[in-house]
Every structure is written in C-alpha cells, then in structure tokens.
Amino acid sequence: MDQYLGQVVMAIGFILAILGLYGLLSQKNMIKMILGFSIFTTGVNIIMVAIGYVKGGTAPILDAEGNAVAKFVDPVPQALVLTSIVIGLGVTAMMLAYVMKLYQDKKSLNINDYKDLKW
C-alpha cells in the first residue's frame, strides 16, 4: 500500500480539483461558487504536496558530518502550499465579504440577478 500512496493522494487531489471546478462553473448561487473555489484550491494544494512526495524520504537536514541525507524531500512544494493556503484564505474571505455586500444591495445570491455591469 505504501508504494501507491503518492498516486492515491494525487488521484484524490485531481478528483477534488475537478469537483471544485465543476462546482465553480456550474452553480448560480454565489456562496456555492465560493465553496467550489475552496474545494478546487484544496485539490490543487494536495496535488502539489503529492508531487513533492518521496517514498522513504527524510527532512532536508545535514547529518553530523555535514553531508546531506541521500533521499530527502524537496521543501519547496510544501512552502508553496503553505503560501497558497494563506492566500486562498484571504481570497475566500474577500469573496465572502463582497457577496455579503452584494446581498445587502439586491437581496439575492443568484449570479444571474447581477447584470448591471454586463455588456
């Protein structure tokens, strides 16, 4: 099972990304669209972590002699995911605040009711 762990996690990430993208594009309710965006970004984050997975890998730390460990995990995808989580949280909060203001104005969460700026 351990040999397939990276592939299983990557498949789960792709499934979440596809479901989130479908929810983002198919829903008319703006809250559901934001939820789809959050699921999509979670799937992308899982994919990035799965790409950086190394079976039997260790932390990128030097040993007592000053040599790098033979099989270490690249920390860059993990750092990118942490940054992505923080940015995603900020974007989601901004979208929710914007939807709250739109709801106060028109009393509707349906995206089709907002045609004021449409060409």
N, C-alpha and C. Protein backbone atom coordinates (compact mmCIF):
# COMPACT_ATOMS: atom_id res chain seq x y z
N MET A 1 0.83 -1.20 0.00
CA MET A 1 0.00 0.00 0.00
C MET A 1 0.87 1.25 0.00
N ASP A 2 1.99 1.20 0.68
CA ASP A 2 2.85 2.37 0.78
C ASP A 2 3.41 2.78 -0.58
N GLN A 3 3.59 1.81 -1.47
CA GLN A 3 4.14 2.13 -2.78
C GLN A 3 3.16 2.93 -3.64
N TYR A 4 1.88 2.83 -3.36
CA TYR A 4 0.87 3.53 -4.14
C TYR A 4 0.35 4.78 -3.44
N LEU A 5 0.91 5.12 -2.30
CA LEU A 5 0.38 6.23 -1.50
C LEU A 5 0.43 7.55 -2.27
N GLY A 6 1.54 7.84 -2.92
CA GLY A 6 1.64 9.08 -3.69
C GLY A 6 0.63 9.15 -4.81
N GLN A 7 0.40 8.02 -5.49
CA GLN A 7 -0.56 8.01 -6.59
C GLN A 7 -1.99 8.16 -6.09
N VAL A 8 -2.29 7.54 -4.94
CA VAL A 8 -3.64 7.66 -4.37
C VAL A 8 -3.91 9.10 -3.94
N VAL A 9 -2.93 9.71 -3.28
CA VAL A 9 -3.10 11.09 -2.84
C VAL A 9 -3.25 12.02 -4.04
N MET A 10 -2.46 11.79 -5.08
CA MET A 10 -2.57 12.62 -6.28
C MET A 10 -3.93 12.44 -6.95
N ALA A 11 -4.44 11.20 -6.99
CA ALA A 11 -5.76 10.96 -7.58
C ALA A 11 -6.84 11.67 -6.78
N ILE A 12 -6.73 11.63 -5.46
CA ILE A 12 -7.70 12.34 -4.61
C ILE A 12 -7.63 13.85 -4.88
N GLY A 13 -6.42 14.37 -5.04
CA GLY A 13 -6.27 15.79 -5.35
C GLY A 13 -6.91 16.16 -6.68
N PHE A 14 -6.71 15.31 -7.71
CA PHE A 14 -7.33 15.58 -9.01
C PHE A 14 -8.85 15.50 -8.92
N ILE A 15 -9.37 14.55 -8.17
CA ILE A 15 -10.82 14.42 -8.01
C ILE A 15 -11.38 15.67 -7.34
N LEU A 16 -10.72 16.13 -6.27
CA LEU A 16 -11.19 17.34 -5.59
C LEU A 16 -11.10 18.56 -6.51
N ALA A 17 -10.02 18.66 -7.27
CA ALA A 17 -9.87 19.81 -8.17
C ALA A 17 -10.96 19.80 -9.24
N ILE A 18 -11.27 18.64 -9.79
CA ILE A 18 -12.30 18.56 -10.82
C ILE A 18 -13.68 18.86 -10.23
N LEU A 19 -13.96 18.31 -9.05
CA LEU A 19 -15.25 18.59 -8.40
C LEU A 19 -15.39 20.08 -8.06
N GLY A 20 -14.31 20.68 -7.56
CA GLY A 20 -14.36 22.10 -7.24
C GLY A 20 -14.54 22.97 -8.48
N LEU A 21 -13.85 22.62 -9.56
CA LEU A 21 -14.00 23.37 -10.80
C LEU A 21 -15.42 23.22 -11.36
N TYR A 22 -15.97 22.01 -11.27
CA TYR A 22 -17.35 21.80 -11.71
C TYR A 22 -18.32 22.65 -10.86
N GLY A 23 -18.12 22.63 -9.56
CA GLY A 23 -18.98 23.44 -8.68
C GLY A 23 -18.83 24.92 -8.94
N LEU A 24 -17.62 25.35 -9.24
CA LEU A 24 -17.37 26.76 -9.50
C LEU A 24 -18.05 27.22 -10.79
N LEU A 25 -18.04 26.38 -11.81
CA LEU A 25 -18.58 26.77 -13.11
C LEU A 25 -20.06 26.47 -13.30
N SER A 26 -20.62 25.54 -12.54
CA SER A 26 -21.99 25.11 -12.80
C SER A 26 -23.02 25.73 -11.87
N GLN A 27 -22.61 26.30 -10.76
CA GLN A 27 -23.56 26.82 -9.79
C GLN A 27 -23.93 28.27 -10.09
N LYS A 28 -25.13 28.64 -9.72
CA LYS A 28 -25.60 30.01 -9.87
C LYS A 28 -25.58 30.76 -8.54
N ASN A 29 -25.59 30.01 -7.44
CA ASN A 29 -25.53 30.60 -6.11
C ASN A 29 -24.08 30.99 -5.82
N MET A 30 -23.87 32.24 -5.43
CA MET A 30 -22.50 32.73 -5.25
C MET A 30 -21.79 32.07 -4.06
N ILE A 31 -22.51 31.70 -3.03
CA ILE A 31 -21.89 31.00 -1.89
C ILE A 31 -21.40 29.62 -2.35
N LYS A 32 -22.19 28.94 -3.16
CA LYS A 32 -21.77 27.64 -3.68
C LYS A 32 -20.58 27.78 -4.62
N MET A 33 -20.52 28.88 -5.35
CA MET A 33 -19.36 29.12 -6.21
C MET A 33 -18.10 29.32 -5.39
N ILE A 34 -18.21 30.03 -4.28
CA ILE A 34 -17.07 30.23 -3.40
C ILE A 34 -16.64 28.90 -2.78
N LEU A 35 -17.61 28.07 -2.41
CA LEU A 35 -17.29 26.75 -1.87
C LEU A 35 -16.59 25.90 -2.92
N GLY A 36 -17.04 25.97 -4.17
CA GLY A 36 -16.36 25.26 -5.25
C GLY A 36 -14.93 25.74 -5.44
N PHE A 37 -14.71 27.05 -5.32
CA PHE A 37 -13.36 27.60 -5.42
C PHE A 37 -12.48 27.06 -4.30
N SER A 38 -13.01 26.98 -3.09
CA SER A 38 -12.23 26.47 -1.97
C SER A 38 -11.88 25.00 -2.16
N ILE A 39 -12.83 24.21 -2.65
CA ILE A 39 -12.55 22.80 -2.91
C ILE A 39 -11.52 22.65 -4.02
N PHE A 40 -11.60 23.49 -5.05
CA PHE A 40 -10.63 23.46 -6.14
C PHE A 40 -9.22 23.76 -5.63
N THR A 41 -9.08 24.81 -4.82
CA THR A 41 -7.75 25.16 -4.32
C THR A 41 -7.21 24.09 -3.38
N THR A 42 -8.09 23.45 -2.61
CA THR A 42 -7.64 22.34 -1.75
C THR A 42 -7.12 21.19 -2.60
N GLY A 43 -7.81 20.87 -3.69
CA GLY A 43 -7.34 19.82 -4.58
C GLY A 43 -5.99 20.14 -5.20
N VAL A 44 -5.81 21.40 -5.61
CA VAL A 44 -4.53 21.80 -6.20
C VAL A 44 -3.42 21.72 -5.15
N ASN A 45 -3.72 22.11 -3.92
CA ASN A 45 -2.71 22.01 -2.85
C ASN A 45 -2.32 20.56 -2.60
N ILE A 46 -3.29 19.66 -2.60
CA ILE A 46 -2.99 18.24 -2.40
C ILE A 46 -2.14 17.71 -3.55
N ILE A 47 -2.43 18.14 -4.77
CA ILE A 47 -1.63 17.71 -5.92
C ILE A 47 -0.19 18.18 -5.77
N MET A 48 0.00 19.42 -5.34
CA MET A 48 1.37 19.93 -5.18
C MET A 48 2.13 19.17 -4.11
N VAL A 49 1.46 18.82 -3.01
CA VAL A 49 2.14 18.04 -1.97
C VAL A 49 2.45 16.65 -2.49
N ALA A 50 1.55 16.06 -3.26
CA ALA A 50 1.78 14.71 -3.80
C ALA A 50 2.93 14.70 -4.80
N ILE A 51 3.11 15.79 -5.54
CA ILE A 51 4.23 15.87 -6.48
C ILE A 51 5.55 15.86 -5.72
N GLY A 52 5.59 16.50 -4.58
CA GLY A 52 6.82 16.55 -3.79
C GLY A 52 7.06 15.33 -2.93
N TYR A 53 6.18 14.33 -2.98
CA TYR A 53 6.31 13.14 -2.15
C TYR A 53 7.47 12.27 -2.63
N VAL A 54 8.29 11.83 -1.69
CA VAL A 54 9.39 10.90 -1.97
C VAL A 54 9.25 9.73 -1.00
N LYS A 55 9.11 8.53 -1.55
CA LYS A 55 8.94 7.35 -0.70
C LYS A 55 10.21 7.14 0.12
N GLY A 56 10.06 7.07 1.43
CA GLY A 56 11.18 6.88 2.33
C GLY A 56 12.04 8.11 2.48
N GLY A 57 11.56 9.25 2.06
CA GLY A 57 12.33 10.48 2.13
C GLY A 57 12.42 11.02 3.55
N THR A 58 13.44 11.82 3.80
CA THR A 58 13.62 12.43 5.11
C THR A 58 13.65 13.94 4.96
N ALA A 59 13.72 14.60 6.08
CA ALA A 59 13.78 16.06 6.07
C ALA A 59 15.13 16.51 5.50
N PRO A 60 15.17 17.63 4.81
CA PRO A 60 16.42 18.11 4.21
C PRO A 60 17.34 18.74 5.25
N ILE A 61 17.93 17.88 6.08
CA ILE A 61 18.79 18.32 7.17
C ILE A 61 20.16 17.68 6.98
N LEU A 62 21.21 18.42 7.28
CA LEU A 62 22.56 17.89 7.19
C LEU A 62 22.83 16.94 8.36
N ASP A 63 23.59 15.86 8.12
CA ASP A 63 23.94 14.95 9.20
C ASP A 63 25.16 15.48 9.96
N ALA A 64 25.70 14.69 10.89
CA ALA A 64 26.78 15.13 11.75
C ALA A 64 28.05 15.49 10.96
N GLU A 65 28.30 14.83 9.85
CA GLU A 65 29.49 15.11 9.05
C GLU A 65 29.31 16.31 8.11
N GLY A 66 28.13 16.86 8.06
CA GLY A 66 27.87 17.98 7.17
C GLY A 66 27.42 17.58 5.79
N ASN A 67 27.13 16.32 5.59
CA ASN A 67 26.65 15.83 4.30
C ASN A 67 25.12 15.81 4.30
N ALA A 68 24.58 16.03 3.14
CA ALA A 68 23.13 15.96 3.01
C ALA A 68 22.68 14.51 3.03
N VAL A 69 21.51 14.26 3.57
CA VAL A 69 20.95 12.92 3.59
C VAL A 69 20.67 12.51 2.15
N ALA A 70 20.82 11.22 1.84
CA ALA A 70 20.72 10.74 0.46
C ALA A 70 19.35 10.99 -0.16
N LYS A 71 18.28 10.60 0.51
CA LYS A 71 16.93 10.77 -0.05
C LYS A 71 16.18 11.79 0.81
N PHE A 72 16.18 13.02 0.39
CA PHE A 72 15.43 14.00 1.15
C PHE A 72 14.28 14.54 0.32
N VAL A 73 13.28 15.03 1.04
CA VAL A 73 12.08 15.57 0.41
C VAL A 73 12.32 17.04 0.10
N ASP A 74 11.96 17.45 -1.10
CA ASP A 74 12.11 18.84 -1.50
C ASP A 74 11.11 19.70 -0.72
N PRO A 75 11.58 20.71 0.02
CA PRO A 75 10.66 21.52 0.83
C PRO A 75 9.92 22.60 0.05
N VAL A 76 10.29 22.82 -1.21
CA VAL A 76 9.67 23.91 -1.98
C VAL A 76 8.17 23.69 -2.20
N PRO A 77 7.70 22.48 -2.61
CA PRO A 77 6.25 22.32 -2.76
C PRO A 77 5.48 22.53 -1.46
N GLN A 78 6.07 22.13 -0.34
CA GLN A 78 5.40 22.33 0.94
C GLN A 78 5.31 23.82 1.27
N ALA A 79 6.37 24.56 0.99
CA ALA A 79 6.35 26.00 1.24
C ALA A 79 5.34 26.69 0.32
N LEU A 80 5.26 26.25 -0.93
CA LEU A 80 4.28 26.82 -1.85
C LEU A 80 2.86 26.55 -1.39
N VAL A 81 2.63 25.35 -0.86
CA VAL A 81 1.29 25.01 -0.38
C VAL A 81 0.92 25.85 0.84
N LEU A 82 1.86 26.04 1.74
CA LEU A 82 1.57 26.89 2.90
C LEU A 82 1.23 28.31 2.46
N THR A 83 1.98 28.83 1.51
CA THR A 83 1.69 30.16 0.99
C THR A 83 0.33 30.18 0.29
N SER A 84 0.03 29.14 -0.46
CA SER A 84 -1.24 29.05 -1.17
C SER A 84 -2.42 28.98 -0.20
N ILE A 85 -2.24 28.30 0.91
CA ILE A 85 -3.32 28.21 1.91
C ILE A 85 -3.62 29.59 2.48
N VAL A 86 -2.59 30.35 2.80
CA VAL A 86 -2.79 31.68 3.37
C VAL A 86 -3.44 32.61 2.34
N ILE A 87 -2.95 32.58 1.11
CA ILE A 87 -3.53 33.43 0.07
C ILE A 87 -4.97 33.01 -0.23
N GLY A 88 -5.23 31.69 -0.27
CA GLY A 88 -6.59 31.20 -0.50
C GLY A 88 -7.55 31.62 0.58
N LEU A 89 -7.08 31.63 1.82
CA LEU A 89 -7.93 32.08 2.92
C LEU A 89 -8.29 33.56 2.76
N GLY A 90 -7.30 34.37 2.39
CA GLY A 90 -7.57 35.79 2.19
C GLY A 90 -8.52 36.04 1.03
N VAL A 91 -8.33 35.32 -0.07
CA VAL A 91 -9.20 35.49 -1.24
C VAL A 91 -10.62 35.04 -0.92
N THR A 92 -10.74 33.93 -0.20
CA THR A 92 -12.08 33.44 0.18
C THR A 92 -12.78 34.43 1.10
N ALA A 93 -12.06 34.99 2.05
CA ALA A 93 -12.66 35.99 2.94
C ALA A 93 -13.10 37.23 2.17
N MET A 94 -12.28 37.65 1.20
CA MET A 94 -12.63 38.81 0.39
C MET A 94 -13.88 38.52 -0.45
N MET A 95 -13.95 37.30 -1.05
CA MET A 95 -15.12 36.95 -1.85
C MET A 95 -16.38 36.91 -0.99
N LEU A 96 -16.27 36.35 0.21
CA LEU A 96 -17.45 36.29 1.10
C LEU A 96 -17.90 37.68 1.52
N ALA A 97 -16.95 38.57 1.81
CA ALA A 97 -17.32 39.94 2.16
C ALA A 97 -18.00 40.64 0.99
N TYR A 98 -17.50 40.40 -0.22
CA TYR A 98 -18.08 41.00 -1.41
C TYR A 98 -19.49 40.47 -1.65
N VAL A 99 -19.69 39.16 -1.45
CA VAL A 99 -21.02 38.57 -1.62
C VAL A 99 -21.99 39.12 -0.57
N MET A 100 -21.50 39.33 0.65
CA MET A 100 -22.37 39.92 1.69
C MET A 100 -22.85 41.31 1.27
N LYS A 101 -21.94 42.13 0.73
CA LYS A 101 -22.32 43.47 0.28
C LYS A 101 -23.30 43.40 -0.89
N LEU A 102 -23.07 42.47 -1.82
CA LEU A 102 -24.00 42.31 -2.94
C LEU A 102 -25.37 41.86 -2.45
N TYR A 103 -25.40 40.97 -1.48
CA TYR A 103 -26.68 40.50 -0.95
C TYR A 103 -27.43 41.64 -0.24
N GLN A 104 -26.70 42.48 0.47
CA GLN A 104 -27.36 43.60 1.14
C GLN A 104 -27.98 44.56 0.13
N ASP A 105 -27.37 44.66 -1.04
CA ASP A 105 -27.86 45.57 -2.06
C ASP A 105 -29.08 45.01 -2.81
N LYS A 106 -28.99 43.76 -3.26
CA LYS A 106 -30.04 43.20 -4.12
C LYS A 106 -30.88 42.11 -3.47
N LYS A 107 -30.50 41.64 -2.30
CA LYS A 107 -31.24 40.58 -1.58
C LYS A 107 -31.33 39.30 -2.39
N SER A 108 -30.27 38.99 -3.11
CA SER A 108 -30.23 37.77 -3.91
C SER A 108 -28.80 37.25 -3.98
N LEU A 109 -28.66 35.93 -3.96
CA LEU A 109 -27.36 35.30 -4.12
C LEU A 109 -27.19 34.68 -5.51
N ASN A 110 -28.22 34.80 -6.35
CA ASN A 110 -28.16 34.23 -7.69
C ASN A 110 -27.33 35.16 -8.59
N ILE A 111 -26.34 34.60 -9.25
CA ILE A 111 -25.43 35.39 -10.08
C ILE A 111 -26.14 36.00 -11.29
N ASN A 112 -27.23 35.41 -11.72
CA ASN A 112 -27.96 35.93 -12.88
C ASN A 112 -28.71 37.22 -12.58
N ASP A 113 -28.91 37.54 -11.29
CA ASP A 113 -29.60 38.77 -10.92
C ASP A 113 -28.71 39.99 -10.98
N TYR A 114 -27.43 39.81 -11.22
CA TYR A 114 -26.47 40.91 -11.24
C TYR A 114 -26.01 41.16 -12.67
N LYS A 115 -26.81 41.92 -13.40
CA LYS A 115 -26.48 42.21 -14.79
C LYS A 115 -26.17 43.68 -15.00
N ASP A 116 -25.93 44.41 -13.93
CA ASP A 116 -25.69 45.85 -14.04
C ASP A 116 -24.44 46.17 -14.84
N LEU A 117 -23.38 45.39 -14.67
CA LEU A 117 -22.12 45.67 -15.34
C LEU A 117 -21.90 44.80 -16.56
N LYS A 118 -22.93 44.07 -16.97
CA LYS A 118 -22.79 43.21 -18.15
C LYS A 118 -22.81 44.05 -19.41
N TRP A 119 -22.08 43.66 -20.43
CA TRP A 119 -22.01 44.41 -21.68
C TRP A 119 -23.20 44.17 -22.52
